[in-house]
N, C-alpha and C. Protein backbone atom coordinates (compact mmCIF):
# COMPACT_ATOMS: atom_id res chain seq x y z
N UNK A 1 -26.57 -25.56 12.60
CA UNK A 1 -26.00 -26.22 13.07
C UNK A 1 -25.45 -25.78 14.11
N UNK A 2 -25.56 -26.07 15.67
CA UNK A 2 -24.69 -25.15 16.88
C UNK A 2 -24.17 -26.99 17.56
N UNK A 3 -23.31 -25.99 18.46
CA UNK A 3 -22.35 -27.00 18.81
C UNK A 3 -21.84 -26.78 20.45
N UNK A 4 -22.90 -27.56 21.77
CA UNK A 4 -22.80 -27.38 22.91
C UNK A 4 -22.31 -28.54 22.98
N UNK A 5 -20.88 -28.17 24.85
CA UNK A 5 -20.69 -29.02 25.56
C UNK A 5 -21.26 -29.38 26.64
N UNK A 6 -21.83 -30.66 27.56
CA UNK A 6 -22.17 -31.20 28.28
C UNK A 6 -21.73 -32.03 28.92
N UNK A 7 -21.80 -31.69 30.36
CA UNK A 7 -20.58 -32.09 31.74
C UNK A 7 -21.46 -33.95 31.94
N UNK A 8 -20.80 -34.87 31.59
CA UNK A 8 -21.91 -36.25 31.88
C UNK A 8 -21.86 -36.25 33.70
N UNK A 9 -20.70 -35.67 34.63
CA UNK A 9 -21.28 -35.50 35.59
C UNK A 9 -22.32 -35.19 36.12
N UNK A 10 -22.79 -34.34 34.99
CA UNK A 10 -24.10 -33.13 35.71
C UNK A 10 -25.97 -34.28 35.53
N UNK A 11 -25.54 -35.57 34.00
CA UNK A 11 -26.89 -35.83 33.68
C UNK A 11 -26.93 -37.21 34.52
N UNK A 12 -25.32 -38.00 34.83
CA UNK A 12 -25.68 -39.00 35.46
C UNK A 12 -26.07 -39.94 33.91
N UNK A 13 -25.75 -40.22 33.24
CA UNK A 13 -25.97 -40.82 31.84
C UNK A 13 -24.79 -42.18 31.26
N UNK A 14 -25.37 -43.25 31.23
CA UNK A 14 -24.73 -44.55 30.52
C UNK A 14 -24.75 -44.72 29.91
N UNK A 15 -23.81 -44.57 28.38
CA UNK A 15 -24.16 -44.92 27.28
C UNK A 15 -22.83 -46.08 26.85
N UNK A 16 -23.83 -46.13 25.89
CA UNK A 16 -23.74 -47.64 24.82
C UNK A 16 -23.47 -46.79 23.57
N UNK A 17 -22.35 -47.79 22.47
CA UNK A 17 -22.11 -47.00 21.29
C UNK A 17 -23.34 -46.99 20.51
N UNK A 18 -23.72 -45.59 19.76
CA UNK A 18 -24.95 -45.62 18.78
C UNK A 18 -26.43 -45.60 19.45
N UNK A 19 -26.48 -45.33 21.08
CA UNK A 19 -27.46 -45.46 21.37
C UNK A 19 -28.21 -43.90 21.38
N UNK A 20 -29.59 -44.03 21.80
CA UNK A 20 -30.74 -42.90 21.45
C UNK A 20 -31.59 -43.41 22.71
N UNK A 21 -31.17 -41.71 23.38
CA UNK A 21 -32.00 -41.81 25.03
C UNK A 21 -32.26 -40.38 24.64
N UNK A 22 -33.84 -40.26 25.30
CA UNK A 22 -34.21 -39.27 25.65
C UNK A 22 -33.59 -38.57 27.06
N UNK A 23 -33.43 -37.08 27.59
CA UNK A 23 -32.27 -37.29 28.33
C UNK A 23 -32.87 -35.84 28.68
N UNK A 24 -32.80 -35.65 30.28
CA UNK A 24 -33.24 -34.35 30.85
C UNK A 24 -31.67 -33.54 30.67
N UNK A 25 -31.73 -32.08 30.25
CA UNK A 25 -30.35 -31.49 29.23
C UNK A 25 -30.48 -30.44 30.49
N UNK A 26 -30.76 -29.95 31.95
CA UNK A 26 -30.79 -29.19 32.42
C UNK A 26 -30.21 -27.40 31.77
N UNK A 27 -31.71 -27.80 31.42
CA UNK A 27 -31.96 -25.96 30.39
C UNK A 27 -31.45 -25.98 29.02
N UNK A 28 -30.50 -27.03 28.85
CA UNK A 28 -29.74 -26.25 27.90
C UNK A 28 -30.42 -27.07 26.49
N UNK A 29 -31.73 -28.03 26.95
CA UNK A 29 -32.72 -28.37 26.08
C UNK A 29 -33.72 -27.12 25.58
N UNK A 30 -33.79 -25.88 26.12
CA UNK A 30 -34.07 -25.16 25.20
C UNK A 30 -33.95 -24.48 24.65
N UNK A 31 -32.39 -24.43 24.04
CA UNK A 31 -31.38 -24.09 23.13
C UNK A 31 -31.70 -24.59 22.06
N UNK A 32 -31.40 -26.25 22.48
CA UNK A 32 -31.18 -27.33 21.36
C UNK A 32 -32.36 -26.84 20.69
N UNK A 33 -32.02 -27.49 18.79
CA UNK A 33 -32.44 -27.62 17.46
C UNK A 33 -32.31 -29.17 17.36
N UNK A 34 -33.27 -29.67 16.41
CA UNK A 34 -33.00 -30.82 15.78
C UNK A 34 -31.17 -30.79 14.62
N UNK A 35 -30.34 -31.80 14.44
CA UNK A 35 -29.49 -31.70 13.82
C UNK A 35 -28.24 -30.15 15.07
N UNK A 36 -28.87 -30.00 16.31
CA UNK A 36 -27.59 -29.63 16.84
C UNK A 36 -27.08 -30.62 17.19
N UNK A 37 -25.86 -30.19 17.63
CA UNK A 37 -24.40 -31.21 18.41
C UNK A 37 -24.21 -31.29 19.66
N UNK A 38 -23.84 -32.43 20.29
CA UNK A 38 -23.87 -32.28 21.88
C UNK A 38 -22.39 -32.53 22.22
N UNK A 39 -21.70 -32.13 22.72
CA UNK A 39 -20.15 -33.36 22.83
C UNK A 39 -20.40 -33.59 24.66
N UNK A 40 -20.02 -34.45 25.07
CA UNK A 40 -20.07 -34.88 26.38
C UNK A 40 -18.77 -35.48 26.79
N UNK A 41 -18.47 -34.55 27.64
CA UNK A 41 -16.87 -34.15 27.90
C UNK A 41 -16.81 -33.43 29.63
N UNK A 42 -15.50 -34.06 30.03
CA UNK A 42 -15.73 -33.77 31.33
C UNK A 42 -14.39 -33.06 31.24
N UNK A 43 -14.12 -31.91 32.81
CA UNK A 43 -13.38 -31.03 32.56
C UNK A 43 -12.36 -31.51 33.58
N UNK A 44 -11.34 -31.84 33.23
CA UNK A 44 -9.47 -32.78 33.82
C UNK A 44 -9.15 -31.31 34.33
N UNK A 45 -9.26 -30.86 35.71
CA UNK A 45 -8.29 -29.74 35.99
C UNK A 45 -7.02 -29.38 36.07
N UNK A 46 -6.91 -30.98 36.74
CA UNK A 46 -4.97 -30.69 37.22
C UNK A 46 -4.59 -30.61 35.31
N UNK A 47 -5.12 -31.35 34.19
CA UNK A 47 -4.59 -31.39 32.92
C UNK A 47 -4.65 -30.12 32.21
N UNK A 48 -6.05 -29.56 32.60
CA UNK A 48 -6.52 -27.92 31.86
C UNK A 48 -6.47 -28.76 30.64
N UNK A 49 -7.36 -29.97 30.56
CA UNK A 49 -8.02 -30.64 29.05
C UNK A 49 -9.34 -30.98 29.36
N UNK A 50 -10.12 -30.79 28.44
CA UNK A 50 -11.61 -31.41 28.02
C UNK A 50 -11.29 -32.96 27.98
N UNK A 51 -12.21 -33.40 28.70
CA UNK A 51 -12.23 -35.43 27.94
C UNK A 51 -13.95 -35.81 27.34
N UNK A 52 -13.49 -35.89 25.81
CA UNK A 52 -14.93 -36.06 25.47
C UNK A 52 -15.11 -38.30 25.93
N UNK A 53 -16.05 -38.02 25.76
CA UNK A 53 -16.56 -39.70 26.01
C UNK A 53 -17.31 -39.87 25.11
N UNK A 54 -18.03 -39.20 24.27
CA UNK A 54 -19.11 -38.89 23.93
C UNK A 54 -19.72 -38.00 22.96
N UNK A 55 -19.71 -38.25 21.18
CA UNK A 55 -20.52 -37.43 20.61
C UNK A 55 -22.20 -37.47 20.07
N UNK A 56 -22.87 -36.30 20.56
CA UNK A 56 -23.83 -36.65 20.32
C UNK A 56 -25.27 -35.69 19.32
N UNK A 57 -25.76 -36.08 18.30
CA UNK A 57 -26.78 -35.83 17.61
C UNK A 57 -28.64 -35.57 17.85
N UNK A 58 -28.86 -34.13 18.28
CA UNK A 58 -29.81 -34.14 18.30
C UNK A 58 -30.73 -34.78 17.20
N UNK A 59 -31.44 -35.71 17.34
CA UNK A 59 -32.55 -36.04 16.69
C UNK A 59 -34.07 -35.28 16.87
N UNK A 60 -34.67 -35.11 17.64
CA UNK A 60 -36.11 -34.46 18.11
C UNK A 60 -35.67 -34.00 19.60
N UNK A 61 -37.11 -33.21 19.83
CA UNK A 61 -37.39 -32.50 21.47
C UNK A 61 -38.63 -32.93 21.41
N UNK A 62 -38.58 -32.88 22.87
CA UNK A 62 -40.09 -33.29 23.28
C UNK A 62 -41.33 -32.35 23.24
N UNK A 63 -42.45 -32.41 23.60
CA UNK A 63 -43.10 -31.04 23.11
C UNK A 63 -43.09 -30.19 24.37
N UNK A 64 -43.04 -30.08 25.29
CA UNK A 64 -42.69 -29.82 26.06
C UNK A 64 -40.96 -28.97 26.22
N UNK A 65 -40.58 -29.61 25.28
CA UNK A 65 -39.04 -28.97 25.82
C UNK A 65 -38.21 -28.82 26.68
N UNK A 66 -38.44 -30.01 27.70
CA UNK A 66 -37.90 -30.20 28.76
C UNK A 66 -36.76 -31.67 28.63
N UNK A 67 -36.52 -32.41 27.33
CA UNK A 67 -35.80 -33.40 26.73
C UNK A 67 -35.81 -33.16 26.05
N UNK A 68 -34.53 -34.13 25.37
CA UNK A 68 -33.50 -34.50 23.69
C UNK A 68 -33.91 -35.95 23.81
N UNK A 69 -33.81 -36.31 22.33
CA UNK A 69 -33.87 -37.34 22.34
C UNK A 69 -32.87 -36.99 21.45
N UNK A 70 -31.61 -37.80 21.50
CA UNK A 70 -29.85 -37.89 21.00
C UNK A 70 -29.29 -39.34 20.66
N UNK A 71 -28.79 -39.43 19.65
CA UNK A 71 -28.00 -40.42 18.75
C UNK A 71 -26.64 -39.97 19.34
N UNK A 72 -26.34 -40.83 20.52
CA UNK A 72 -24.76 -40.82 20.73
C UNK A 72 -23.71 -41.72 20.09
N UNK A 73 -22.90 -41.44 20.18
CA UNK A 73 -21.58 -42.40 19.56
C UNK A 73 -19.86 -42.56 20.35
N UNK A 74 -20.29 -43.37 20.61
CA UNK A 74 -18.74 -43.19 22.24
C UNK A 74 -16.99 -42.33 21.62
N UNK A 75 -16.63 -41.86 22.16
CA UNK A 75 -15.16 -40.82 21.85
C UNK A 75 -14.38 -41.00 22.28
N UNK A 76 -13.13 -40.97 22.53
CA UNK A 76 -12.36 -40.44 23.45
C UNK A 76 -11.36 -39.46 22.52
N UNK A 77 -11.41 -38.05 22.80
CA UNK A 77 -11.12 -37.17 22.49
C UNK A 77 -10.74 -36.28 23.67
N UNK A 78 -9.34 -35.71 22.66
CA UNK A 78 -8.81 -34.34 24.23
C UNK A 78 -8.53 -33.14 23.22
N UNK A 79 -9.34 -32.63 24.13
CA UNK A 79 -9.76 -30.94 24.06
C UNK A 79 -9.07 -30.35 24.58
N UNK A 80 -8.14 -29.21 24.02
CA UNK A 80 -7.16 -27.87 25.32
C UNK A 80 -7.62 -26.66 24.10
N UNK A 81 -8.41 -25.91 25.47
CA UNK A 81 -9.25 -24.88 25.40
C UNK A 81 -8.04 -24.00 26.03
N UNK A 82 -8.14 -23.06 25.29
CA UNK A 82 -7.26 -21.52 25.58
C UNK A 82 -7.28 -21.06 26.71
N UNK A 83 -6.28 -20.24 27.88
CA UNK A 83 -6.67 -19.76 28.38
C UNK A 83 -8.32 -18.70 29.06
N UNK A 84 -8.52 -18.06 27.98
CA UNK A 84 -10.19 -17.87 28.00
C UNK A 84 -11.40 -19.13 27.93
N UNK A 85 -11.24 -20.07 27.31
CA UNK A 85 -12.26 -20.66 26.86
C UNK A 85 -12.08 -21.69 28.73
N UNK A 86 -10.94 -21.60 29.30
CA UNK A 86 -11.05 -22.73 30.58
C UNK A 86 -11.92 -22.71 31.49
N UNK A 87 -12.47 -21.16 31.42
CA UNK A 87 -13.38 -20.35 32.61
C UNK A 87 -14.49 -21.32 32.46
N UNK A 88 -15.24 -21.31 30.40
CA UNK A 88 -16.50 -21.92 30.58
C UNK A 88 -16.44 -23.33 30.83
N UNK A 89 -15.16 -24.36 30.54
CA UNK A 89 -15.28 -25.33 31.50
C UNK A 89 -15.21 -25.91 32.64
N UNK A 90 -14.99 -24.74 33.55
CA UNK A 90 -15.21 -25.15 35.14
C UNK A 90 -16.33 -24.53 36.09
N UNK A 91 -17.11 -23.98 34.94
CA UNK A 91 -18.29 -23.61 35.55
C UNK A 91 -19.22 -24.56 35.87
N UNK A 92 -20.19 -24.49 37.37
CA UNK A 92 -20.22 -25.48 37.40
C UNK A 92 -22.17 -25.50 36.98
N UNK A 93 -22.62 -24.60 35.61
CA UNK A 93 -23.85 -24.80 34.88
C UNK A 93 -23.91 -26.46 34.15
N UNK A 94 -22.98 -26.74 34.04
CA UNK A 94 -22.74 -27.97 32.99
C UNK A 94 -22.81 -28.20 31.70
N UNK A 95 -22.99 -27.08 30.98
CA UNK A 95 -22.68 -26.67 29.72
C UNK A 95 -22.87 -25.60 29.27
N UNK A 96 -21.85 -25.23 27.85
CA UNK A 96 -22.26 -24.47 27.06
C UNK A 96 -21.83 -24.27 25.52
N UNK A 97 -22.83 -23.33 24.92
CA UNK A 97 -22.40 -23.78 23.34
C UNK A 97 -20.63 -23.06 23.09
N UNK A 98 -20.25 -24.23 22.47
CA UNK A 98 -18.91 -23.40 21.48
C UNK A 98 -19.04 -22.67 20.60
N UNK A 99 -18.08 -21.14 20.12
CA UNK A 99 -17.78 -20.22 19.33
C UNK A 99 -17.62 -20.98 18.48
N UNK A 100 -17.91 -20.02 17.26
CA UNK A 100 -17.85 -20.81 15.62
C UNK A 100 -16.38 -20.98 15.75
N UNK A 101 -15.12 -19.70 16.30
CA UNK A 101 -13.98 -19.56 15.49
C UNK A 101 -13.44 -21.23 16.62
N UNK A 102 -14.21 -21.60 18.09
CA UNK A 102 -13.90 -22.42 18.68
C UNK A 102 -14.39 -23.90 17.80
N UNK A 103 -15.54 -23.79 17.25
CA UNK A 103 -15.56 -25.22 16.77
C UNK A 103 -14.79 -25.45 14.95
N UNK A 104 -13.81 -24.38 14.33
CA UNK A 104 -13.37 -24.62 14.08
C UNK A 104 -12.08 -25.05 14.71
N UNK A 105 -10.95 -24.49 15.23
CA UNK A 105 -10.63 -25.11 15.95
C UNK A 105 -10.40 -26.14 16.68
N UNK A 106 -11.15 -26.88 17.19
CA UNK A 106 -11.03 -28.04 17.51
C UNK A 106 -11.32 -28.73 16.01
N UNK A 107 -12.01 -28.77 14.98
CA UNK A 107 -12.27 -29.34 13.84
C UNK A 107 -13.55 -30.44 14.16
N UNK A 108 -14.80 -29.47 14.69
CA UNK A 108 -15.90 -30.34 15.07
C UNK A 108 -16.83 -31.04 14.00
N UNK A 109 -17.25 -30.24 12.84
CA UNK A 109 -17.20 -30.16 12.17
C UNK A 109 -16.67 -31.52 11.27
N UNK A 110 -15.66 -31.69 11.42
CA UNK A 110 -14.92 -33.15 10.79
C UNK A 110 -14.95 -34.00 11.50
N UNK A 111 -14.52 -33.79 12.91
CA UNK A 111 -14.96 -35.15 14.12
C UNK A 111 -16.63 -35.28 13.97
N UNK A 112 -17.71 -34.93 13.53
CA UNK A 112 -18.73 -35.17 13.47
C UNK A 112 -18.76 -35.89 11.97
N UNK A 113 -18.37 -35.53 10.77
CA UNK A 113 -18.78 -36.43 9.93
C UNK A 113 -17.67 -37.60 9.74
N UNK A 114 -16.69 -37.81 10.70
CA UNK A 114 -16.07 -39.05 10.74
C UNK A 114 -17.12 -40.14 11.65
N UNK A 115 -17.57 -39.54 12.97
CA UNK A 115 -18.19 -39.99 13.73
C UNK A 115 -19.68 -40.62 13.30
N UNK A 116 -20.29 -39.94 12.48
CA UNK A 116 -21.74 -39.95 12.18
C UNK A 116 -21.64 -40.37 10.42
N UNK A 117 -20.06 -40.68 9.82
CA UNK A 117 -20.84 -40.94 8.29
C UNK A 117 -21.67 -42.06 7.49
N UNK A 118 -22.46 -42.72 8.76
CA UNK A 118 -23.41 -43.79 8.04
C UNK A 118 -25.39 -42.85 8.83
N UNK A 119 -25.23 -42.02 9.23
CA UNK A 119 -26.45 -41.17 9.50
C UNK A 119 -27.20 -40.72 8.50
N UNK A 120 -27.88 -40.70 8.51
CA UNK A 120 -28.48 -40.42 7.06
C UNK A 120 -29.29 -38.90 7.27
N UNK A 121 -29.94 -38.00 6.18
CA UNK A 121 -30.40 -36.59 6.50
C UNK A 121 -29.74 -35.48 7.36
N UNK A 122 -28.08 -35.93 7.53
CA UNK A 122 -26.97 -34.76 8.49
C UNK A 122 -25.84 -34.59 7.10
N UNK A 123 -25.65 -33.51 6.95
CA UNK A 123 -24.66 -33.08 5.94
C UNK A 123 -23.29 -32.79 6.23
N UNK A 124 -22.55 -32.75 6.26
CA UNK A 124 -21.51 -32.33 6.97
C UNK A 124 -20.28 -32.24 6.72
N UNK A 125 -20.53 -32.08 4.92
CA UNK A 125 -19.73 -31.89 4.39
C UNK A 125 -18.84 -30.27 3.84
N UNK A 126 -19.49 -29.26 4.54
CA UNK A 126 -18.87 -27.81 4.57
C UNK A 126 -19.01 -26.85 5.53
N UNK A 127 -17.43 -27.56 6.13
CA UNK A 127 -17.66 -26.89 7.43
C UNK A 127 -17.52 -25.35 6.96
N UNK A 128 -17.44 -24.77 8.27
CA UNK A 128 -16.97 -22.99 8.12
C UNK A 128 -16.11 -22.93 7.92
N UNK A 129 -16.25 -21.52 7.10
CA UNK A 129 -14.68 -21.47 6.20
C UNK A 129 -14.42 -20.84 7.96
N UNK A 130 -12.35 -20.81 7.61
CA UNK A 130 -11.87 -20.58 8.56
C UNK A 130 -11.24 -18.96 8.58
N UNK A 131 -11.52 -18.69 10.20
CA UNK A 131 -11.32 -17.67 11.05
C UNK A 131 -9.64 -17.04 10.37
N UNK A 132 -9.34 -15.92 10.42
CA UNK A 132 -8.29 -15.57 10.18
C UNK A 132 -7.05 -16.20 10.96
N UNK A 133 -6.00 -16.65 10.52
CA UNK A 133 -5.03 -17.61 11.86
C UNK A 133 -3.70 -16.49 12.02
N UNK A 134 -3.97 -16.47 12.82
CA UNK A 134 -1.84 -16.14 13.26
C UNK A 134 -0.96 -17.20 13.33
N UNK A 135 0.31 -17.11 14.09
CA UNK A 135 1.12 -18.43 14.11
C UNK A 135 0.70 -18.97 15.09
N UNK A 136 0.43 -20.16 14.80
CA UNK A 136 -0.32 -21.52 16.04
C UNK A 136 0.55 -21.29 17.74
N UNK A 137 -0.08 -21.57 18.27
CA UNK A 137 0.64 -21.89 19.51
C UNK A 137 0.44 -23.48 20.42
N UNK A 138 1.18 -23.74 21.58
CA UNK A 138 0.42 -24.99 22.19
C UNK A 138 -0.92 -25.13 22.43
N UNK A 139 -1.43 -23.68 23.20
CA UNK A 139 -2.16 -24.29 23.80
C UNK A 139 -3.63 -24.13 22.64
N UNK A 140 -3.35 -23.61 21.46
CA UNK A 140 -4.19 -24.11 20.74
C UNK A 140 -4.09 -25.97 19.80
N UNK A 141 -2.93 -26.20 20.33
CA UNK A 141 -2.90 -27.97 19.29
C UNK A 141 -3.97 -28.73 19.69
N UNK A 142 -4.21 -29.05 18.81
CA UNK A 142 -5.01 -30.32 18.80
C UNK A 142 -4.06 -31.73 18.05
N UNK A 143 -4.39 -33.18 19.33
CA UNK A 143 -3.02 -33.97 18.48
C UNK A 143 -4.38 -34.75 17.45
N UNK A 144 -3.66 -35.60 16.34
CA UNK A 144 -4.17 -36.32 15.50
C UNK A 144 -3.17 -36.94 14.32
N UNK A 145 -3.65 -36.98 13.32
CA UNK A 145 -2.79 -37.98 12.54
C UNK A 145 -2.96 -36.87 10.80
N UNK A 146 -1.53 -36.95 10.29
CA UNK A 146 -1.15 -36.36 9.09
C UNK A 146 -1.29 -37.60 8.01
N UNK A 147 -2.17 -37.84 7.41
CA UNK A 147 -1.72 -38.94 6.35
C UNK A 147 -1.61 -38.37 4.69
N UNK A 148 -1.10 -39.50 3.95
CA UNK A 148 -1.01 -39.21 2.59
C UNK A 148 -0.93 -40.22 1.52
N UNK A 149 -2.45 -40.23 0.76
CA UNK A 149 -3.31 -40.90 0.21
C UNK A 149 -2.38 -41.08 -1.06
N UNK A 150 -2.59 -41.67 -2.22
CA UNK A 150 -2.36 -42.13 -3.17
C UNK A 150 -3.51 -42.68 -4.35
N UNK A 151 -3.33 -42.28 -5.35
CA UNK A 151 -4.63 -42.36 -6.32
C UNK A 151 -3.57 -42.21 -7.64
N UNK A 152 -4.43 -42.83 -8.72
CA UNK A 152 -3.88 -41.97 -10.21
C UNK A 152 -3.57 -40.65 -10.72
N UNK A 153 -4.61 -40.27 -9.71
CA UNK A 153 -4.80 -38.71 -9.98
C UNK A 153 -3.51 -38.05 -9.05
N UNK A 154 -2.81 -38.69 -8.44
CA UNK A 154 -1.68 -37.85 -7.36
C UNK A 154 -1.50 -38.29 -5.68
N UNK A 155 -0.77 -38.00 -4.80
CA UNK A 155 -0.84 -37.64 -3.65
C UNK A 155 -1.57 -36.92 -3.04
N UNK A 156 -2.74 -36.83 -2.06
CA UNK A 156 -3.15 -36.11 -1.39
C UNK A 156 -2.68 -36.29 0.24
N UNK A 157 -2.39 -34.78 1.11
CA UNK A 157 -1.48 -35.06 2.49
C UNK A 157 -3.36 -34.20 3.44
N UNK A 158 -3.47 -35.03 4.15
CA UNK A 158 -4.58 -34.45 4.47
C UNK A 158 -4.57 -34.97 6.40
N UNK A 159 -5.37 -34.61 7.01
CA UNK A 159 -5.59 -34.55 8.89
C UNK A 159 -6.89 -35.10 9.31
N UNK A 160 -6.49 -35.93 10.24
CA UNK A 160 -7.71 -36.61 10.52
C UNK A 160 -7.30 -36.72 12.03
N UNK A 161 -8.50 -36.81 12.95
CA UNK A 161 -8.11 -37.34 14.47
C UNK A 161 -8.10 -39.11 14.90
N UNK A 162 -8.84 -39.52 13.31
CA UNK A 162 -9.33 -40.71 13.79
C UNK A 162 -8.87 -41.79 12.29
N UNK A 163 -7.92 -42.66 12.15
CA UNK A 163 -7.94 -42.61 10.80
C UNK A 163 -8.54 -43.71 10.09
N UNK A 164 -9.06 -44.64 11.28
CA UNK A 164 -10.20 -45.71 10.66
C UNK A 164 -11.04 -45.09 10.30
N UNK A 165 -12.01 -43.77 10.95
CA UNK A 165 -12.77 -43.64 10.27
C UNK A 165 -12.69 -42.62 9.40
N UNK A 166 -11.60 -41.95 8.62
CA UNK A 166 -11.45 -41.20 7.69
C UNK A 166 -11.45 -42.51 6.71
N UNK A 167 -10.75 -43.10 6.52
CA UNK A 167 -10.38 -44.09 6.23
C UNK A 167 -11.83 -45.03 5.41
N UNK A 168 -13.17 -45.19 6.18
CA UNK A 168 -14.35 -45.58 6.00
C UNK A 168 -15.13 -44.02 4.70
N UNK A 169 -14.55 -42.65 5.61
CA UNK A 169 -15.05 -41.50 4.18
C UNK A 169 -14.45 -42.41 2.32
N UNK A 170 -13.29 -42.09 2.49
CA UNK A 170 -12.83 -42.84 1.54
C UNK A 170 -13.03 -43.52 0.80
N UNK A 171 -13.39 -44.77 1.27
CA UNK A 171 -14.40 -45.84 0.92
C UNK A 171 -15.70 -45.40 0.26
N UNK A 172 -16.47 -44.29 0.79
CA UNK A 172 -17.20 -44.62 0.53
C UNK A 172 -17.81 -43.55 -0.45
N UNK A 173 -16.96 -42.35 -0.49
CA UNK A 173 -17.35 -40.87 -1.22
C UNK A 173 -16.30 -40.82 -2.26
N UNK A 174 -15.14 -41.53 -2.11
CA UNK A 174 -14.41 -41.64 -3.47
C UNK A 174 -14.90 -42.72 -4.81
N UNK A 175 -14.86 -42.08 -5.97
CA UNK A 175 -15.31 -42.61 -7.13
C UNK A 175 -13.55 -43.35 -7.35
N UNK A 176 -12.53 -43.73 -7.14
CA UNK A 176 -11.89 -43.64 -7.44
C UNK A 176 -10.88 -44.56 -6.45
N UNK A 177 -10.26 -45.79 -6.94
CA UNK A 177 -9.47 -46.40 -5.74
C UNK A 177 -8.37 -46.08 -5.18
N UNK A 178 -8.04 -46.17 -4.25
CA UNK A 178 -6.48 -44.95 -3.62
C UNK A 178 -6.11 -45.96 -2.45
N UNK A 179 -4.79 -45.75 -1.70
CA UNK A 179 -4.36 -46.22 -1.23
C UNK A 179 -3.39 -45.56 -0.05
N UNK A 180 -3.23 -45.87 0.90
CA UNK A 180 -2.61 -44.61 2.14
C UNK A 180 -1.29 -45.75 2.35
N UNK A 181 -0.76 -44.56 1.71
CA UNK A 181 0.73 -44.50 1.96
C UNK A 181 1.32 -44.28 3.10
N UNK A 182 1.23 -43.54 3.76
CA UNK A 182 1.74 -43.22 5.12
C UNK A 182 0.90 -42.67 6.31
N UNK A 183 0.71 -42.61 7.18
CA UNK A 183 0.24 -41.43 8.39
C UNK A 183 0.53 -41.74 9.41
N UNK A 184 1.14 -40.59 10.26
CA UNK A 184 1.88 -40.58 11.38
C UNK A 184 1.30 -39.29 12.44
N UNK A 185 1.40 -39.53 13.92
CA UNK A 185 0.41 -38.98 14.95
C UNK A 185 1.32 -37.45 15.49
N UNK A 186 0.93 -37.10 15.28
CA UNK A 186 1.47 -35.43 15.88
C UNK A 186 0.35 -34.34 16.61
N UNK A 187 1.49 -33.90 17.68
CA UNK A 187 0.63 -33.35 18.67
C UNK A 187 0.03 -32.15 18.02
N UNK A 188 0.11 -31.81 16.95
CA UNK A 188 -0.32 -30.58 16.84
C UNK A 188 -0.48 -30.68 15.20
N UNK A 189 -2.18 -31.76 14.96
CA UNK A 189 -1.85 -32.33 13.70
C UNK A 189 -1.98 -30.88 12.58
N UNK A 190 -2.94 -29.66 12.97
CA UNK A 190 -2.98 -28.69 11.62
C UNK A 190 -1.61 -28.16 11.31
N UNK A 191 -1.04 -27.76 12.58
CA UNK A 191 0.64 -27.53 12.37
C UNK A 191 1.32 -28.56 11.05
N UNK A 192 1.03 -29.71 11.46
CA UNK A 192 2.14 -30.92 10.82
C UNK A 192 1.51 -30.28 9.55
N UNK A 193 0.18 -30.59 9.24
CA UNK A 193 0.32 -30.71 7.61
C UNK A 193 0.37 -29.66 7.31
N UNK A 194 0.20 -28.39 8.16
CA UNK A 194 0.42 -27.08 6.89
C UNK A 194 1.55 -27.13 6.66
N UNK A 195 2.85 -27.08 7.33
CA UNK A 195 4.24 -28.05 7.14
C UNK A 195 4.48 -28.21 5.71
N UNK A 196 3.67 -30.17 5.73
CA UNK A 196 3.82 -30.80 4.64
C UNK A 196 3.10 -30.03 3.41
N UNK A 197 2.47 -29.47 3.20
CA UNK A 197 1.58 -28.72 2.43
C UNK A 197 2.82 -27.21 1.97
N UNK A 198 3.39 -26.70 2.60
CA UNK A 198 4.01 -25.80 2.34
C UNK A 198 5.66 -26.47 1.86
N UNK A 199 6.00 -27.34 2.24
CA UNK A 199 7.04 -28.41 1.89
C UNK A 199 6.89 -28.60 0.89
N UNK A 200 6.10 -29.34 0.36
CA UNK A 200 5.90 -29.91 -1.36
C UNK A 200 4.68 -28.82 -1.95
N UNK A 201 4.55 -27.39 -2.10
CA UNK A 201 3.53 -26.70 -2.53
C UNK A 201 4.24 -26.58 -4.55
N UNK A 202 5.43 -26.64 -4.33
CA UNK A 202 5.93 -26.84 -5.67
C UNK A 202 5.28 -27.79 -6.42
N UNK A 203 4.39 -29.16 -6.27
CA UNK A 203 4.09 -30.03 -6.89
C UNK A 203 2.70 -29.97 -6.42
N UNK A 204 2.25 -28.89 -6.14
CA UNK A 204 0.81 -28.73 -6.35
C UNK A 204 0.08 -28.43 -7.64
N UNK A 205 -1.06 -29.97 -7.06
CA UNK A 205 -1.45 -29.96 -9.08
C UNK A 205 -3.07 -29.01 -8.57
N UNK A 206 -3.84 -28.85 -9.61
CA UNK A 206 -5.29 -27.97 -9.41
C UNK A 206 -6.19 -28.27 -8.16
N UNK A 207 -6.95 -28.01 -7.88
CA UNK A 207 -7.70 -28.61 -6.56
C UNK A 207 -6.88 -29.83 -5.63
N UNK A 208 -7.80 -30.79 -4.84
CA UNK A 208 -7.27 -32.04 -4.37
C UNK A 208 -5.67 -32.22 -5.22
């Protein structure tokens, strides 16, 4: 599974939620394989941000590989590339592949798991292992929620970019009842979650 960014201004695409459409992908379809992921996102040069409009999963490609059938889910997500990554967003090419470390930093596997929870045949349960990390900076921050859930087994601190979809995951995947005790928005949700885990490390139980 690979992740690509596609500029919507290059394809003239009008989307509705959960739409499936064949799309000529500016040569990108030559790279794509079924189950690859396409992030439809515009580059906001003034803010130096990527503005995600939809997340897509490739279902199939035409025989001549000139277009792809993609399932889309509308999304409003902001991605903040580091200085080295901004050059790729600004290029006229209209698409690029996200490097593996960028996939991890943007938590794209987690995002797709939330937005495509009900799509059978796709397994997002095992994200790639994290790369070695130093001290985070504002350039690498991703905004999102940190939450605390309670069950008979104790408390769990976690993070998500979409509380509604994460709650749906809890309802489907957890074999025991839980309650959401609290959640809050942070400009850098990874750093916030890490700080809470550090604060309460003496209370940690085995596993989750």
